[in-house]
Amino acid sequence: MIDNIKFNFLYIDKYSFGKNWVFPESKVPYNMLRYIESGKGAFFIDDEEYSIKKGQIVYIPQGSRLSCYSLSDSFSFTSIRFTNSVYFDEGDFLKDYYGIPNIIESKNEKILFDNIYTYIKSEDPAKMFFVRGYLEILIGTLISGVSKNLDPAENSKENEYYSYEKL
């Protein structure tokens, strides 16, 4: 187990596009999590094509080549950019060490995206503590939901939504 990992929040915003939206291929200099709010789209991550739809989360690892476009009349998502403090020799830390796939079926994670967005736009002097905390909870929830190495008897809380109140 790797200790002392820190996730560094960079940015969050909401995006809405029409049917002609195209994002040309570029190399991504940070990690991204995108919660698909509405519509359908096609994402190409390192030459692999994914068809995505409302209610899914797209994980785009740092250093990936990304291009995407809308497949519906309207397409919207919330996008979080972040980095992590751990260098993982064998590839991407979240994908290769923890098994987070590029496409995740959302359970209750939308509320975490919404909380991060709400706090980052607020004037609360403690907002960065909440933003970093909710980012940690979001990533922990995704790791817990896809964990393949745990014995099911030991993982009775698998896919459970974690919140500040539950912690």
Foldseek 3Di string as FASTA:
>chain_A
DDPDKAKFWDDKDKDKDFQFDKFDKDAAQFKKKKAKQAAWKWKQWQNDIDIDGHQKIFIHHHGIIIIMGGPHGMTMIMMTTIHMDDDDPVDGCCCPVLNQDRIGRHDPLVVLSVLLVVLVPDPPPCSVVSNRVSVVQSSVLSSQQRGPPDDCVVSVCRNPRDDPVND
